[in-house]
N, C-alpha and C. Protein backbone atom coordinates (compact mmCIF):
# COMPACT_ATOMS: atom_id res chain seq x y z
N UNK A 1 91.84 71.81 126.00
CA UNK A 1 91.10 71.60 124.77
C UNK A 1 91.96 70.36 123.97
N UNK A 2 91.01 69.68 124.02
CA UNK A 2 91.44 68.35 122.63
C UNK A 2 91.18 69.09 121.46
N UNK A 3 92.11 69.02 120.54
CA UNK A 3 92.00 68.58 118.21
C UNK A 3 92.23 67.55 117.67
N UNK A 4 91.24 67.23 117.68
CA UNK A 4 91.06 65.95 116.47
C UNK A 4 91.90 66.69 115.32
N UNK A 5 92.24 65.28 114.72
CA UNK A 5 92.90 65.59 113.06
C UNK A 5 92.27 66.72 112.23
N UNK A 6 90.79 66.88 112.30
CA UNK A 6 90.44 67.56 111.63
C UNK A 6 90.36 68.70 111.66
N UNK A 7 90.26 69.48 113.40
CA UNK A 7 90.61 70.70 113.61
C UNK A 7 92.07 71.06 113.31
N UNK A 8 92.80 70.04 113.24
CA UNK A 8 93.87 70.55 112.28
C UNK A 8 94.16 70.81 111.62
N UNK A 9 92.99 70.17 110.36
CA UNK A 9 93.52 70.49 108.68
C UNK A 9 92.37 71.65 108.41
N UNK A 10 91.34 71.92 109.34
CA UNK A 10 90.79 72.97 109.01
C UNK A 10 91.57 74.44 109.80
N UNK A 11 92.78 74.33 110.86
CA UNK A 11 93.57 75.31 111.30
C UNK A 11 94.78 75.52 110.06
N UNK A 12 95.45 74.39 109.25
CA UNK A 12 96.32 74.13 108.33
C UNK A 12 95.43 75.04 107.32
N UNK A 13 94.70 74.83 106.70
CA UNK A 13 93.62 75.40 105.85
C UNK A 13 93.82 76.94 105.71
N UNK A 14 92.61 77.09 107.04
CA UNK A 14 93.12 78.63 107.59
C UNK A 14 94.24 79.49 107.23
N UNK A 15 95.06 79.26 108.00
CA UNK A 15 96.73 79.19 107.76
C UNK A 15 96.97 79.68 106.84
N UNK A 16 96.74 78.85 105.01
CA UNK A 16 97.31 79.11 104.47
C UNK A 16 96.30 79.82 103.63
N UNK A 17 95.52 80.03 103.85
CA UNK A 17 94.22 80.68 103.14
C UNK A 17 93.31 81.35 104.19
N UNK A 18 93.17 82.28 105.05
CA UNK A 18 91.97 82.84 106.01
C UNK A 18 90.80 82.93 105.18
N UNK A 19 90.29 83.43 103.73
CA UNK A 19 89.25 83.62 103.20
C UNK A 19 88.47 82.45 102.49
N UNK A 20 89.56 81.11 102.44
CA UNK A 20 88.53 79.64 102.14
C UNK A 20 87.12 80.23 101.63
N UNK A 21 86.54 80.04 101.01
CA UNK A 21 84.64 79.86 101.06
C UNK A 21 84.61 78.30 102.04
N UNK A 22 83.66 78.37 102.65
CA UNK A 22 83.40 77.63 103.60
C UNK A 22 83.22 76.47 102.26
N UNK A 23 82.10 76.48 101.76
CA UNK A 23 81.80 75.11 100.52
C UNK A 23 83.36 74.64 100.06
N UNK A 24 84.55 75.54 99.31
CA UNK A 24 85.60 74.59 99.19
C UNK A 24 86.48 73.98 100.44
N UNK A 25 86.75 74.71 101.88
CA UNK A 25 86.31 73.87 102.77
C UNK A 25 86.39 72.45 103.39
N UNK A 26 85.03 72.99 103.29
CA UNK A 26 84.05 71.39 103.47
C UNK A 26 84.55 70.31 102.31
N UNK A 27 84.91 71.15 100.64
CA UNK A 27 84.63 69.74 99.62
C UNK A 27 86.09 69.15 100.45
N UNK A 28 87.67 69.76 100.90
CA UNK A 28 88.75 69.22 100.64
C UNK A 28 88.68 68.86 101.93
N UNK A 29 87.78 68.97 102.91
CA UNK A 29 87.52 67.45 104.36
C UNK A 29 86.88 66.47 104.46
N UNK A 30 85.80 66.72 103.15
CA UNK A 30 85.37 65.47 103.02
C UNK A 30 84.06 65.48 104.00
N UNK A 31 83.62 67.21 104.91
CA UNK A 31 82.64 66.86 105.33
C UNK A 31 81.25 68.19 104.47
N UNK A 32 80.60 68.23 105.32
CA UNK A 32 79.35 69.05 105.36
C UNK A 32 79.68 70.49 105.51
N UNK A 33 78.98 71.80 104.41
CA UNK A 33 79.61 72.95 105.06
C UNK A 33 79.41 72.85 106.64
N UNK A 34 78.36 73.10 106.78
CA UNK A 34 77.42 73.10 108.92
C UNK A 34 78.50 72.20 109.71
N UNK A 35 78.85 71.39 109.59
CA UNK A 35 79.71 70.82 110.27
C UNK A 35 81.14 71.17 109.97
N UNK A 36 82.13 71.95 109.29
CA UNK A 36 82.87 72.33 109.37
C UNK A 36 82.76 73.61 109.89
N UNK A 37 81.22 74.78 109.83
CA UNK A 37 81.65 76.18 110.25
C UNK A 37 81.17 75.81 112.13
N UNK A 38 79.71 74.59 112.61
CA UNK A 38 80.42 74.52 113.71
C UNK A 38 81.92 74.41 114.47
N UNK A 39 82.38 73.34 113.87
CA UNK A 39 83.90 73.47 113.75
C UNK A 39 84.26 74.86 114.18
N UNK A 40 84.83 75.40 113.42
CA UNK A 40 84.87 76.64 113.31
C UNK A 40 84.64 77.76 114.16
N UNK A 41 83.19 78.02 114.86
CA UNK A 41 83.29 78.39 115.47
C UNK A 41 83.41 77.89 117.17
N UNK A 42 83.41 76.43 116.97
CA UNK A 42 84.16 76.10 118.47
C UNK A 42 85.58 76.61 118.49
N UNK A 43 86.22 76.64 117.57
CA UNK A 43 87.65 76.95 118.09
C UNK A 43 87.71 78.64 118.08
N UNK A 44 87.02 79.14 117.09
CA UNK A 44 87.26 80.75 117.99
C UNK A 44 86.56 80.64 119.28
N UNK A 45 85.59 80.35 119.42
CA UNK A 45 84.83 80.20 120.84
C UNK A 45 86.31 79.34 121.99
N UNK A 46 86.49 78.47 121.65
CA UNK A 46 87.93 78.55 122.41
C UNK A 46 89.16 78.89 122.01
N UNK A 47 89.10 80.08 122.01
CA UNK A 47 90.42 80.50 121.38
C UNK A 47 91.41 80.36 120.38
N UNK A 48 91.27 79.03 119.59
CA UNK A 48 91.94 78.42 119.26
C UNK A 48 92.57 79.39 117.77
N UNK A 49 91.77 79.73 117.55
CA UNK A 49 91.25 81.15 117.04
C UNK A 49 90.59 82.58 117.26
N UNK A 50 92.39 83.01 117.31
CA UNK A 50 91.85 84.73 117.88
C UNK A 50 91.26 85.51 116.79
N UNK A 51 91.85 85.53 115.54
CA UNK A 51 91.36 86.31 114.61
C UNK A 51 91.91 86.19 113.52
N UNK A 52 91.43 86.70 112.32
CA UNK A 52 91.97 86.43 110.67
C UNK A 52 93.05 87.89 110.25
N UNK A 53 94.00 87.52 109.98
CA UNK A 53 94.64 88.58 109.22
C UNK A 53 94.91 88.71 107.98
N UNK A 54 95.70 90.12 107.48
CA UNK A 54 95.88 89.50 105.66
C UNK A 54 97.22 89.88 105.37
N UNK A 55 98.01 89.45 104.32
CA UNK A 55 99.53 89.86 104.56
C UNK A 55 99.70 90.69 103.12
N UNK A 56 99.89 91.85 103.21
CA UNK A 56 100.35 92.64 101.79
C UNK A 56 101.22 91.76 101.34
N UNK A 57 101.09 92.67 99.74
CA UNK A 57 102.08 92.11 98.51
C UNK A 57 102.80 92.85 99.28
N UNK A 58 104.58 92.22 99.25
CA UNK A 58 105.48 92.93 98.95
C UNK A 58 105.95 93.34 100.25
N UNK A 59 105.52 93.03 101.39
CA UNK A 59 106.01 93.74 103.03
C UNK A 59 107.19 91.94 102.92
N UNK A 60 108.63 92.21 103.54
CA UNK A 60 109.61 91.41 103.50
C UNK A 60 109.25 91.13 104.91
N UNK A 61 108.76 90.31 105.12
CA UNK A 61 108.65 89.19 106.59
C UNK A 61 108.57 90.25 107.94
N UNK A 62 108.81 91.24 107.61
CA UNK A 62 108.94 92.58 109.00
C UNK A 62 108.48 92.00 110.39
N UNK A 63 106.42 91.90 110.21
CA UNK A 63 106.26 90.92 111.31
C UNK A 63 106.35 90.25 112.05
N UNK A 64 107.16 89.09 111.01
CA UNK A 64 107.17 87.35 110.97
C UNK A 64 108.30 87.42 112.39
N UNK A 65 107.33 86.47 113.42
CA UNK A 65 108.56 86.48 114.47
C UNK A 65 109.06 84.68 113.63
N UNK A 66 110.30 85.14 114.40
CA UNK A 66 111.25 84.12 113.99
C UNK A 66 111.42 83.10 115.62
N UNK A 67 112.20 82.01 115.88
CA UNK A 67 112.37 81.36 116.71
C UNK A 67 113.36 80.21 116.17
N UNK A 68 113.69 79.69 117.66
CA UNK A 68 114.76 78.09 117.54
C UNK A 68 114.28 77.49 118.80
N UNK A 69 113.54 75.88 119.01
CA UNK A 69 113.64 75.72 119.72
C UNK A 69 114.40 74.42 119.30
N UNK A 70 114.96 74.16 121.41
CA UNK A 70 116.17 72.78 120.62
C UNK A 70 114.70 72.29 122.14
N UNK A 71 115.33 71.27 121.36
CA UNK A 71 114.08 69.97 121.83
C UNK A 71 114.92 68.77 122.55
N UNK A 72 114.59 68.29 124.10
CA UNK A 72 115.63 67.16 124.43
C UNK A 72 114.41 65.96 124.64
N UNK A 73 114.44 65.06 124.32
CA UNK A 73 113.52 64.47 123.83
C UNK A 73 114.06 62.98 125.28
N UNK A 74 112.66 62.25 125.67
CA UNK A 74 112.99 60.84 126.87
C UNK A 74 113.41 60.18 126.02
N UNK A 75 113.36 59.34 125.43
CA UNK A 75 113.95 58.42 124.42
C UNK A 75 114.21 58.79 123.34
N UNK A 76 115.75 58.55 122.96
CA UNK A 76 116.12 59.42 121.64
C UNK A 76 115.94 58.97 120.44
N UNK A 77 115.57 57.39 120.93
CA UNK A 77 115.32 56.40 119.28
C UNK A 77 114.07 55.51 119.39
N UNK A 78 112.92 56.07 120.43
CA UNK A 78 111.23 56.13 120.02
C UNK A 78 110.28 57.17 119.98
N UNK A 79 111.34 58.36 119.28
CA UNK A 79 110.86 60.14 119.54
C UNK A 79 109.49 59.95 117.66
N UNK A 80 109.60 59.91 117.42
CA UNK A 80 108.53 59.31 116.62
C UNK A 80 107.19 59.97 116.38
N UNK A 81 106.36 59.62 117.31
CA UNK A 81 105.44 60.68 118.16
C UNK A 81 105.31 62.18 118.07
N UNK A 82 106.78 62.14 118.67
CA UNK A 82 107.19 63.58 118.87
C UNK A 82 107.36 64.65 117.59
N UNK A 83 108.11 63.46 116.94
CA UNK A 83 108.22 64.25 115.12
C UNK A 83 107.36 64.43 114.08
N UNK A 84 106.31 62.92 115.13
CA UNK A 84 105.05 63.64 114.20
C UNK A 84 104.38 64.81 114.34
N UNK A 85 104.52 64.94 115.55
CA UNK A 85 103.38 66.44 115.81
C UNK A 85 104.02 67.66 115.16
N UNK A 86 105.39 67.70 115.48
CA UNK A 86 106.20 68.91 115.08
C UNK A 86 105.80 68.89 113.17
N UNK A 87 106.81 67.83 113.01
CA UNK A 87 105.77 67.88 110.86
C UNK A 87 103.87 68.55 110.87
N UNK A 88 103.79 68.54 111.33
CA UNK A 88 102.48 69.07 111.25
C UNK A 88 102.32 69.93 111.37
N UNK A 89 102.94 71.04 111.96
CA UNK A 89 102.91 72.52 112.89
C UNK A 89 102.86 72.94 111.67
N UNK A 90 102.37 74.19 111.42
CA UNK A 90 102.79 74.91 110.22
C UNK A 90 103.60 76.23 110.15
N UNK A 91 104.10 76.55 111.11
CA UNK A 91 104.99 77.39 111.61
C UNK A 91 105.91 77.05 111.24
N UNK A 92 106.57 75.08 111.42
CA UNK A 92 107.56 75.09 111.24
C UNK A 92 108.38 74.64 110.12
N UNK A 93 109.19 75.85 109.57
CA UNK A 93 109.92 75.75 108.39
C UNK A 93 110.74 74.66 108.65
N UNK A 94 111.48 74.31 109.29
CA UNK A 94 112.70 73.68 109.81
C UNK A 94 112.80 72.44 110.80
N UNK A 95 112.80 71.06 110.43
CA UNK A 95 112.83 70.27 111.62
C UNK A 95 114.40 69.52 111.49
N UNK A 96 114.87 69.52 112.66
CA UNK A 96 116.46 69.12 112.05
C UNK A 96 116.92 67.26 112.86
N UNK A 97 116.83 66.39 113.34
CA UNK A 97 117.53 65.52 114.61
C UNK A 97 119.24 65.98 114.45
N UNK A 98 119.47 66.16 115.19
CA UNK A 98 121.07 66.51 115.18
C UNK A 98 121.93 65.30 116.27
N UNK A 99 122.82 65.85 116.42
CA UNK A 99 123.72 64.78 117.31
C UNK A 99 124.25 65.30 118.56
N UNK A 100 124.61 64.85 119.09
CA UNK A 100 125.21 65.42 120.90
C UNK A 100 123.94 65.46 121.67
N UNK A 101 124.00 66.63 122.78
CA UNK A 101 123.49 66.60 123.76
C UNK A 101 121.81 66.78 123.52
N UNK A 102 121.85 67.50 121.47
CA UNK A 102 120.64 67.90 121.51
C UNK A 102 119.54 67.20 120.73
N UNK A 103 118.25 67.11 120.68
CA UNK A 103 118.16 65.74 120.32
C UNK A 103 117.22 66.47 118.91
N UNK A 104 116.74 67.19 119.04
CA UNK A 104 116.28 68.56 117.38
C UNK A 104 115.87 69.60 117.62
N UNK A 105 116.57 70.19 116.39
CA UNK A 105 116.28 72.03 116.28
C UNK A 105 114.81 72.09 115.57
N UNK A 106 113.95 72.75 116.19
CA UNK A 106 113.06 73.09 115.34
C UNK A 106 112.56 74.62 114.96
N UNK A 107 112.91 75.09 113.93
CA UNK A 107 112.92 76.57 113.73
C UNK A 107 111.28 76.84 113.41
N UNK A 108 111.38 78.23 114.03
CA UNK A 108 109.85 78.50 113.66
C UNK A 108 109.49 79.90 113.11
N UNK A 109 108.25 80.23 112.24
CA UNK A 109 108.04 81.28 111.93
C UNK A 109 107.29 81.39 111.56
N UNK A 110 106.40 82.55 112.36
CA UNK A 110 105.40 82.98 112.89
C UNK A 110 104.41 84.10 113.29
N UNK A 111 103.44 84.52 112.89
CA UNK A 111 102.77 85.75 113.11
C UNK A 111 102.96 86.40 114.73
N UNK A 112 103.01 86.10 115.75
CA UNK A 112 103.51 86.52 116.96
C UNK A 112 104.12 86.02 117.50
N UNK A 113 104.61 86.60 118.95
CA UNK A 113 105.46 85.86 120.13
C UNK A 113 103.70 84.77 120.68
N UNK A 114 102.97 85.32 120.77
CA UNK A 114 101.52 84.22 121.73
C UNK A 114 101.95 83.13 120.57
N UNK A 115 101.51 83.14 119.90
CA UNK A 115 101.80 82.08 118.85
C UNK A 115 102.71 80.95 118.58
N UNK A 116 104.63 81.38 118.44
CA UNK A 116 105.20 81.15 119.51
C UNK A 116 105.71 80.35 120.55
N UNK A 117 104.29 80.64 121.87
CA UNK A 117 104.30 80.35 123.01
C UNK A 117 103.34 79.14 122.94
N UNK A 118 101.82 79.59 122.12
CA UNK A 118 100.69 78.13 122.18
C UNK A 118 101.77 76.90 121.16
N UNK A 119 102.74 77.16 120.34
CA UNK A 119 103.43 75.98 120.17
C UNK A 119 104.65 75.78 121.07
N UNK A 120 105.18 75.86 121.81
CA UNK A 120 106.33 76.33 122.78
C UNK A 120 105.00 75.06 123.93
N UNK A 121 103.82 75.63 123.71
CA UNK A 121 102.96 74.87 124.60
C UNK A 121 102.63 73.16 124.38
N UNK A 122 102.13 73.55 122.95
CA UNK A 122 102.05 72.49 122.14
C UNK A 122 102.71 70.81 122.70
N UNK A 123 103.97 71.53 122.27
CA UNK A 123 105.04 70.60 121.65
C UNK A 123 105.53 69.96 123.41
N UNK A 124 105.22 71.16 124.57
CA UNK A 124 106.10 70.62 125.64
C UNK A 124 105.24 69.60 126.34
N UNK A 125 104.08 69.46 126.46
CA UNK A 125 103.18 68.87 127.17
C UNK A 125 103.28 67.22 126.53
N UNK A 126 103.82 67.01 125.30
CA UNK A 126 104.00 65.62 124.77
C UNK A 126 104.81 64.80 125.44
N UNK A 127 104.14 63.35 125.42
CA UNK A 127 104.76 62.70 126.66
C UNK A 127 106.71 62.46 126.29
N UNK A 128 106.73 62.68 125.44
CA UNK A 128 107.95 61.38 124.99
C UNK A 128 108.82 63.30 125.17
N UNK A 129 109.10 64.39 125.93
CA UNK A 129 109.21 65.60 125.59
C UNK A 129 109.54 65.93 127.12
N UNK A 130 110.74 66.31 126.99
CA UNK A 130 111.68 66.06 128.89
C UNK A 130 112.33 67.54 128.53
N UNK A 131 112.88 68.35 127.71
CA UNK A 131 113.06 69.23 128.33
C UNK A 131 112.72 70.02 126.60
N UNK A 132 112.55 72.22 127.10
CA UNK A 132 112.93 72.78 125.28
C UNK A 132 113.42 74.26 125.83
N UNK A 133 114.19 74.20 124.92
CA UNK A 133 115.40 76.05 125.38
C UNK A 133 114.59 76.30 123.99
N UNK A 134 114.05 77.62 123.78
CA UNK A 134 113.91 78.70 122.97
C UNK A 134 114.03 79.99 123.04
N UNK A 135 114.85 79.86 121.01
CA UNK A 135 115.56 81.24 121.73
C UNK A 135 114.42 82.09 120.16
N UNK A 136 114.65 83.78 120.89
CA UNK A 136 114.12 84.41 119.49
C UNK A 136 115.22 84.68 118.81
N UNK A 137 114.88 84.79 117.80
CA UNK A 137 115.59 85.62 116.54
C UNK A 137 115.36 86.78 117.07
N UNK A 138 116.44 87.73 117.12
CA UNK A 138 116.71 89.46 117.26
C UNK A 138 116.74 89.81 116.21
N UNK A 139 117.28 89.54 114.74
CA UNK A 139 118.07 89.74 113.56
C UNK A 139 118.12 88.76 112.92
N UNK A 140 118.06 88.64 111.26
CA UNK A 140 118.88 87.72 110.40
C UNK A 140 119.95 88.44 109.66
N UNK A 141 121.22 87.34 109.95
CA UNK A 141 122.42 88.06 109.58
C UNK A 141 122.77 87.67 107.95
N UNK A 142 122.15 86.38 107.73
CA UNK A 142 122.34 85.74 106.56
C UNK A 142 121.09 85.07 106.43
N UNK A 143 120.64 85.99 104.86
CA UNK A 143 119.44 84.32 104.83
C UNK A 143 119.84 84.05 103.35
N UNK A 144 119.06 82.95 103.25
CA UNK A 144 119.72 82.91 101.98
C UNK A 144 118.49 81.42 101.34
N UNK A 145 117.89 81.65 99.93
CA UNK A 145 117.19 80.72 99.31
C UNK A 145 115.62 81.18 100.39
N UNK A 146 115.03 80.13 100.35
CA UNK A 146 113.78 79.74 101.12
C UNK A 146 114.00 79.83 102.58
N UNK A 147 114.78 79.26 103.25
CA UNK A 147 115.04 78.83 104.77
C UNK A 147 116.00 80.02 105.63
């Protein structure tokens, strides 16, 4: 299943606000409401969108699944294709280029383990990726600011 840039924009907008009016979404994307509706229906049919949810105010991210992906690229110096895709994934809260053996450290916060797995699948199939090690966060000992 191939997603184009507009599909990714739709997913980003719905991730930020699942209740966004169709007319508003269409205006932001520069498309007709019917075109946006058809794309959403297709994304739902392909199970790219598997549901919609709410977040209660005051909930302390208790249901957030956090993970760290250590990404090894095939060519460290020419890996912009990998980093540009990672930068567009809404669940990525931090991505750093590292010295040493590991090329990239990607911190994720998602609504489910399944979503982390989808992101792993997306990144691991990129032509520039050699390998990924994924670690799920079991508990947080120190959290400062928004990171």
